[in-house]
Amino acid sequence: MNRLKELRLKEKLTLQQVAKVLGVSQFSIIRWEKGETSPNAEKLKMLADLLHVTPNDLLGVELKA
């Protein structure tokens, strides 16, 4: 989740804004950004939608054709 902070800042979103949309604490977002924990599948999808990327992009997963 090391891209999370970069993408959040690119979208000009604060920790508070992201936390409110996802229904989690700001501390949870900080821990995700630091790679200490990860969001569940539902929150990951919501987060990707909010940041205008796919969950794979958010996770840094590259799919090969």
PDB file of N, CA and C in Angstrom:
ATOM      1  N   MET A   1       0.831  -1.191   0.000  1.00  0.00           N
ATOM      2  CA  MET A   1       0.000   0.000   0.000  1.00  0.00           C
ATOM      3  C   MET A   1       0.877   1.257   0.000  1.00  0.00           C
ATOM      4  N   ASN A   2       2.127   1.116  -0.403  1.00  0.00           N
ATOM      5  CA  ASN A   2       3.015   2.268  -0.362  1.00  0.00           C
ATOM      6  C   ASN A   2       2.600   3.363  -1.344  1.00  0.00           C
ATOM      7  N   ARG A   3       1.737   3.058  -2.298  1.00  0.00           N
ATOM      8  CA  ARG A   3       1.264   4.072  -3.242  1.00  0.00           C
ATOM      9  C   ARG A   3       0.095   4.859  -2.684  1.00  0.00           C
ATOM     10  N   LEU A   4      -0.492   4.390  -1.635  1.00  0.00           N
ATOM     11  CA  LEU A   4      -1.703   5.002  -1.105  1.00  0.00           C
ATOM     12  C   LEU A   4      -1.516   6.483  -0.787  1.00  0.00           C
ATOM     13  N   LYS A   5      -0.489   6.822  -0.049  1.00  0.00           N
ATOM     14  CA  LYS A   5      -0.284   8.219   0.329  1.00  0.00           C
ATOM     15  C   LYS A   5      -0.042   9.080  -0.910  1.00  0.00           C
ATOM     16  N   GLU A   6       0.771   8.575  -1.815  1.00  0.00           N
ATOM     17  CA  GLU A   6       1.054   9.294  -3.064  1.00  0.00           C
ATOM     18  C   GLU A   6      -0.243   9.568  -3.839  1.00  0.00           C
ATOM     19  N   LEU A   7      -1.077   8.568  -3.979  1.00  0.00           N
ATOM     20  CA  LEU A   7      -2.338   8.729  -4.716  1.00  0.00           C
ATOM     21  C   LEU A   7      -3.312   9.632  -3.969  1.00  0.00           C
ATOM     22  N   ARG A   8      -3.343   9.507  -2.647  1.00  0.00           N
ATOM     23  CA  ARG A   8      -4.233  10.356  -1.843  1.00  0.00           C
ATOM     24  C   ARG A   8      -3.855  11.821  -1.995  1.00  0.00           C
ATOM     25  N   LEU A   9      -2.570  12.111  -1.928  1.00  0.00           N
ATOM     26  CA  LEU A   9      -2.103  13.487  -2.065  1.00  0.00           C
ATOM     27  C   LEU A   9      -2.325  14.010  -3.483  1.00  0.00           C
ATOM     28  N   LYS A  10      -2.162  13.142  -4.460  1.00  0.00           N
ATOM     29  CA  LYS A  10      -2.412  13.533  -5.855  1.00  0.00           C
ATOM     30  C   LYS A  10      -3.858  13.980  -6.046  1.00  0.00           C
ATOM     31  N   GLU A  11      -4.774  13.305  -5.353  1.00  0.00           N
ATOM     32  CA  GLU A  11      -6.194  13.653  -5.421  1.00  0.00           C
ATOM     33  C   GLU A  11      -6.557  14.786  -4.460  1.00  0.00           C
ATOM     34  N   LYS A  12      -5.557  15.286  -3.727  1.00  0.00           N
ATOM     35  CA  LYS A  12      -5.743  16.384  -2.761  1.00  0.00           C
ATOM     36  C   LYS A  12      -6.779  16.042  -1.693  1.00  0.00           C
ATOM     37  N   LEU A  13      -6.675  14.814  -1.188  1.00  0.00           N
ATOM     38  CA  LEU A  13      -7.566  14.350  -0.132  1.00  0.00           C
ATOM     39  C   LEU A  13      -6.809  14.277   1.190  1.00  0.00           C
ATOM     40  N   THR A  14      -7.461  14.702   2.251  1.00  0.00           N
ATOM     41  CA  THR A  14      -6.859  14.603   3.577  1.00  0.00           C
ATOM     42  C   THR A  14      -7.152  13.228   4.168  1.00  0.00           C
ATOM     43  N   LEU A  15      -6.412  12.898   5.215  1.00  0.00           N
ATOM     44  CA  LEU A  15      -6.692  11.653   5.937  1.00  0.00           C
ATOM     45  C   LEU A  15      -8.131  11.656   6.436  1.00  0.00           C
ATOM     46  N   GLN A  16      -8.567  12.797   6.948  1.00  0.00           N
ATOM     47  CA  GLN A  16      -9.920  12.919   7.486  1.00  0.00           C
ATOM     48  C   GLN A  16     -10.973  12.661   6.407  1.00  0.00           C
ATOM     49  N   GLN A  17     -10.770  13.192   5.216  1.00  0.00           N
ATOM     50  CA  GLN A  17     -11.732  12.999   4.135  1.00  0.00           C
ATOM     51  C   GLN A  17     -11.824  11.525   3.731  1.00  0.00           C
ATOM     52  N   VAL A  18     -10.673  10.894   3.571  1.00  0.00           N
ATOM     53  CA  VAL A  18     -10.653   9.483   3.176  1.00  0.00           C
ATOM     54  C   VAL A  18     -11.294   8.620   4.261  1.00  0.00           C
ATOM     55  N   ALA A  19     -10.933   8.879   5.495  1.00  0.00           N
ATOM     56  CA  ALA A  19     -11.485   8.109   6.610  1.00  0.00           C
ATOM     57  C   ALA A  19     -13.002   8.240   6.678  1.00  0.00           C
ATOM     58  N   LYS A  20     -13.506   9.439   6.468  1.00  0.00           N
ATOM     59  CA  LYS A  20     -14.953   9.661   6.533  1.00  0.00           C
ATOM     60  C   LYS A  20     -15.677   8.894   5.430  1.00  0.00           C
ATOM     61  N   VAL A  21     -15.173   8.954   4.209  1.00  0.00           N
ATOM     62  CA  VAL A  21     -15.803   8.256   3.085  1.00  0.00           C
ATOM     63  C   VAL A  21     -15.801   6.745   3.317  1.00  0.00           C
ATOM     64  N   LEU A  22     -14.693   6.220   3.841  1.00  0.00           N
ATOM     65  CA  LEU A  22     -14.565   4.780   4.029  1.00  0.00           C
ATOM     66  C   LEU A  22     -15.177   4.280   5.336  1.00  0.00           C
ATOM     67  N   GLY A  23     -15.479   5.214   6.241  1.00  0.00           N
ATOM     68  CA  GLY A  23     -16.059   4.819   7.519  1.00  0.00           C
ATOM     69  C   GLY A  23     -15.064   4.158   8.447  1.00  0.00           C
ATOM     70  N   VAL A  24     -13.813   4.634   8.377  1.00  0.00           N
ATOM     71  CA  VAL A  24     -12.761   4.109   9.251  1.00  0.00           C
ATOM     72  C   VAL A  24     -12.085   5.288   9.943  1.00  0.00           C
ATOM     73  N   SER A  25     -11.173   4.996  10.853  1.00  0.00           N
ATOM     74  CA  SER A  25     -10.456   6.069  11.548  1.00  0.00           C
ATOM     75  C   SER A  25      -9.282   6.561  10.708  1.00  0.00           C
ATOM     76  N   GLN A  26      -8.839   7.769  10.999  1.00  0.00           N
ATOM     77  CA  GLN A  26      -7.653   8.307  10.337  1.00  0.00           C
ATOM     78  C   GLN A  26      -6.438   7.433  10.654  1.00  0.00           C
ATOM     79  N   PHE A  27      -6.412   6.887  11.854  1.00  0.00           N
ATOM     80  CA  PHE A  27      -5.319   6.009  12.258  1.00  0.00           C
ATOM     81  C   PHE A  27      -5.244   4.778  11.352  1.00  0.00           C
ATOM     82  N   SER A  28      -6.404   4.264  10.946  1.00  0.00           N
ATOM     83  CA  SER A  28      -6.417   3.116  10.022  1.00  0.00           C
ATOM     84  C   SER A  28      -5.765   3.482   8.699  1.00  0.00           C
ATOM     85  N   ILE A  29      -6.083   4.662   8.185  1.00  0.00           N
ATOM     86  CA  ILE A  29      -5.499   5.107   6.920  1.00  0.00           C
ATOM     87  C   ILE A  29      -3.983   5.251   7.065  1.00  0.00           C
ATOM     88  N   ILE A  30      -3.542   5.844   8.168  1.00  0.00           N
ATOM     89  CA  ILE A  30      -2.105   6.000   8.415  1.00  0.00           C
ATOM     90  C   ILE A  30      -1.420   4.640   8.430  1.00  0.00           C
ATOM     91  N   ARG A  31      -2.029   3.675   9.099  1.00  0.00           N
ATOM     92  CA  ARG A  31      -1.429   2.331   9.176  1.00  0.00           C
ATOM     93  C   ARG A  31      -1.381   1.669   7.808  1.00  0.00           C
ATOM     94  N   TRP A  32      -2.402   1.902   6.973  1.00  0.00           N
ATOM     95  CA  TRP A  32      -2.389   1.374   5.600  1.00  0.00           C
ATOM     96  C   TRP A  32      -1.264   2.020   4.808  1.00  0.00           C
ATOM     97  N   GLU A  33      -1.131   3.341   4.947  1.00  0.00           N
ATOM     98  CA  GLU A  33      -0.089   4.059   4.208  1.00  0.00           C
ATOM     99  C   GLU A  33       1.305   3.593   4.612  1.00  0.00           C
ATOM    100  N   LYS A  34       1.480   3.236   5.858  1.00  0.00           N
ATOM    101  CA  LYS A  34       2.775   2.755   6.340  1.00  0.00           C
ATOM    102  C   LYS A  34       2.991   1.275   6.040  1.00  0.00           C
ATOM    103  N   GLY A  35       1.967   0.592   5.566  1.00  0.00           N
ATOM    104  CA  GLY A  35       2.087  -0.828   5.276  1.00  0.00           C
ATOM    105  C   GLY A  35       1.998  -1.710   6.504  1.00  0.00           C
ATOM    106  N   GLU A  36       1.529  -1.152   7.611  1.00  0.00           N
ATOM    107  CA  GLU A  36       1.417  -1.923   8.852  1.00  0.00           C
ATOM    108  C   GLU A  36       0.217  -2.864   8.826  1.00  0.00           C
ATOM    109  N   THR A  37      -0.853  -2.430   8.177  1.00  0.00           N
ATOM    110  CA  THR A  37      -2.046  -3.252   7.993  1.00  0.00           C
ATOM    111  C   THR A  37      -2.573  -2.983   6.589  1.00  0.00           C
ATOM    112  N   SER A  38      -3.586  -3.725   6.203  1.00  0.00           N
ATOM    113  CA  SER A  38      -4.198  -3.556   4.883  1.00  0.00           C
ATOM    114  C   SER A  38      -5.706  -3.503   5.037  1.00  0.00           C
ATOM    115  N   PRO A  39      -6.370  -2.772   4.143  1.00  0.00           N
ATOM    116  CA  PRO A  39      -7.829  -2.737   4.191  1.00  0.00           C
ATOM    117  C   PRO A  39      -8.403  -4.071   3.729  1.00  0.00           C
ATOM    118  N   ASN A  40      -9.629  -4.357   4.168  1.00  0.00           N
ATOM    119  CA  ASN A  40     -10.296  -5.562   3.673  1.00  0.00           C
ATOM    120  C   ASN A  40     -10.709  -5.312   2.223  1.00  0.00           C
ATOM    121  N   ALA A  41     -11.220  -6.323   1.561  1.00  0.00           N
ATOM    122  CA  ALA A  41     -11.547  -6.236   0.130  1.00  0.00           C
ATOM    123  C   ALA A  41     -12.559  -5.126  -0.159  1.00  0.00           C
ATOM    124  N   GLU A  42     -13.562  -4.988   0.692  1.00  0.00           N
ATOM    125  CA  GLU A  42     -14.584  -3.958   0.488  1.00  0.00           C
ATOM    126  C   GLU A  42     -13.979  -2.561   0.586  1.00  0.00           C
ATOM    127  N   LYS A  43     -13.169  -2.323   1.605  1.00  0.00           N
ATOM    128  CA  LYS A  43     -12.547  -1.011   1.784  1.00  0.00           C
ATOM    129  C   LYS A  43     -11.518  -0.740   0.686  1.00  0.00           C
ATOM    130  N   LEU A  44     -10.826  -1.773   0.236  1.00  0.00           N
ATOM    131  CA  LEU A  44      -9.862  -1.621  -0.842  1.00  0.00           C
ATOM    132  C   LEU A  44     -10.556  -1.140  -2.118  1.00  0.00           C
ATOM    133  N   LYS A  45     -11.694  -1.729  -2.436  1.00  0.00           N
ATOM    134  CA  LYS A  45     -12.459  -1.317  -3.624  1.00  0.00           C
ATOM    135  C   LYS A  45     -12.944   0.115  -3.474  1.00  0.00           C
ATOM    136  N   MET A  46     -13.471   0.463  -2.305  1.00  0.00           N
ATOM    137  CA  MET A  46     -13.939   1.832  -2.062  1.00  0.00           C
ATOM    138  C   MET A  46     -12.781   2.827  -2.188  1.00  0.00           C
ATOM    139  N   LEU A  47     -11.639   2.460  -1.649  1.00  0.00           N
ATOM    140  CA  LEU A  47     -10.464   3.315  -1.686  1.00  0.00           C
ATOM    141  C   LEU A  47      -9.982   3.517  -3.120  1.00  0.00           C
ATOM    142  N   ALA A  48      -9.932   2.440  -3.881  1.00  0.00           N
ATOM    143  CA  ALA A  48      -9.518   2.527  -5.287  1.00  0.00           C
ATOM    144  C   ALA A  48     -10.475   3.420  -6.074  1.00  0.00           C
ATOM    145  N   ASP A  49     -11.763   3.252  -5.851  1.00  0.00           N
ATOM    146  CA  ASP A  49     -12.752   4.103  -6.527  1.00  0.00           C
ATOM    147  C   ASP A  49     -12.546   5.572  -6.161  1.00  0.00           C
ATOM    148  N   LEU A  50     -12.332   5.836  -4.899  1.00  0.00           N
ATOM    149  CA  LEU A  50     -12.131   7.207  -4.424  1.00  0.00           C
ATOM    150  C   LEU A  50     -10.898   7.845  -5.066  1.00  0.00           C
ATOM    151  N   LEU A  51      -9.866   7.041  -5.278  1.00  0.00           N
ATOM    152  CA  LEU A  51      -8.605   7.537  -5.823  1.00  0.00           C
ATOM    153  C   LEU A  51      -8.518   7.412  -7.345  1.00  0.00           C
ATOM    154  N   HIS A  52      -9.595   6.932  -7.957  1.00  0.00           N
ATOM    155  CA  HIS A  52      -9.692   6.805  -9.414  1.00  0.00           C
ATOM    156  C   HIS A  52      -8.637   5.869 -10.004  1.00  0.00           C
ATOM    157  N   VAL A  53      -8.418   4.759  -9.316  1.00  0.00           N
ATOM    158  CA  VAL A  53      -7.499   3.726  -9.790  1.00  0.00           C
ATOM    159  C   VAL A  53      -8.174   2.373  -9.562  1.00  0.00           C
ATOM    160  N   THR A  54      -7.583   1.325 -10.090  1.00  0.00           N
ATOM    161  CA  THR A  54      -8.084  -0.021  -9.824  1.00  0.00           C
ATOM    162  C   THR A  54      -7.454  -0.536  -8.531  1.00  0.00           C
ATOM    163  N   PRO A  55      -8.086  -1.521  -7.904  1.00  0.00           N
ATOM    164  CA  PRO A  55      -7.452  -2.115  -6.723  1.00  0.00           C
ATOM    165  C   PRO A  55      -6.050  -2.645  -7.033  1.00  0.00           C
ATOM    166  N   ASN A  56      -5.860  -3.231  -8.215  1.00  0.00           N
ATOM    167  CA  ASN A  56      -4.534  -3.730  -8.590  1.00  0.00           C
ATOM    168  C   ASN A  56      -3.526  -2.595  -8.684  1.00  0.00           C
ATOM    169  N   ASP A  57      -3.934  -1.465  -9.245  1.00  0.00           N
ATOM    170  CA  ASP A  57      -3.041  -0.303  -9.308  1.00  0.00           C
ATOM    171  C   ASP A  57      -2.671   0.156  -7.907  1.00  0.00           C
ATOM    172  N   LEU A  58      -3.648   0.177  -7.032  1.00  0.00           N
ATOM    173  CA  LEU A  58      -3.414   0.614  -5.655  1.00  0.00           C
ATOM    174  C   LEU A  58      -2.431  -0.310  -4.949  1.00  0.00           C
ATOM    175  N   LEU A  59      -2.546  -1.587  -5.213  1.00  0.00           N
ATOM    176  CA  LEU A  59      -1.676  -2.566  -4.585  1.00  0.00           C
ATOM    177  C   LEU A  59      -0.332  -2.724  -5.299  1.00  0.00           C
ATOM    178  N   GLY A  60      -0.225  -2.118  -6.498  1.00  0.00           N
ATOM    179  CA  GLY A  60       1.004  -2.242  -7.257  1.00  0.00           C
ATOM    180  C   GLY A  60       1.134  -3.582  -7.968  1.00  0.00           C
ATOM    181  N   VAL A  61      -0.022  -4.200  -8.234  1.00  0.00           N
ATOM    182  CA  VAL A  61      -0.034  -5.490  -8.921  1.00  0.00           C
ATOM    183  C   VAL A  61      -0.132  -5.244 -10.416  1.00  0.00           C
ATOM    184  N   GLU A  62       0.759  -5.849 -11.164  1.00  0.00           N
ATOM    185  CA  GLU A  62       0.751  -5.704 -12.613  1.00  0.00           C
ATOM    186  C   GLU A  62       0.263  -7.010 -13.223  1.00  0.00           C
ATOM    187  N   LEU A  63      -0.836  -6.927 -13.965  1.00  0.00           N
ATOM    188  CA  LEU A  63      -1.373  -8.119 -14.612  1.00  0.00           C
ATOM    189  C   LEU A  63      -0.760  -8.288 -15.990  1.00  0.00           C
ATOM    190  N   LYS A  64      -0.365  -9.504 -16.294  1.00  0.00           N
ATOM    191  CA  LYS A  64       0.235  -9.805 -17.602  1.00  0.00           C
ATOM    192  C   LYS A  64      -0.827 -10.410 -18.501  1.00  0.00           C
ATOM    193  N   ALA A  65      -0.825  -9.973 -19.744  1.00  0.00           N
ATOM    194  CA  ALA A  65      -1.818 -10.465 -20.701  1.00  0.00           C
ATOM    195  C   ALA A  65      -1.408 -11.800 -21.277  1.00  0.00           C
TER     196      ALA A  65
END
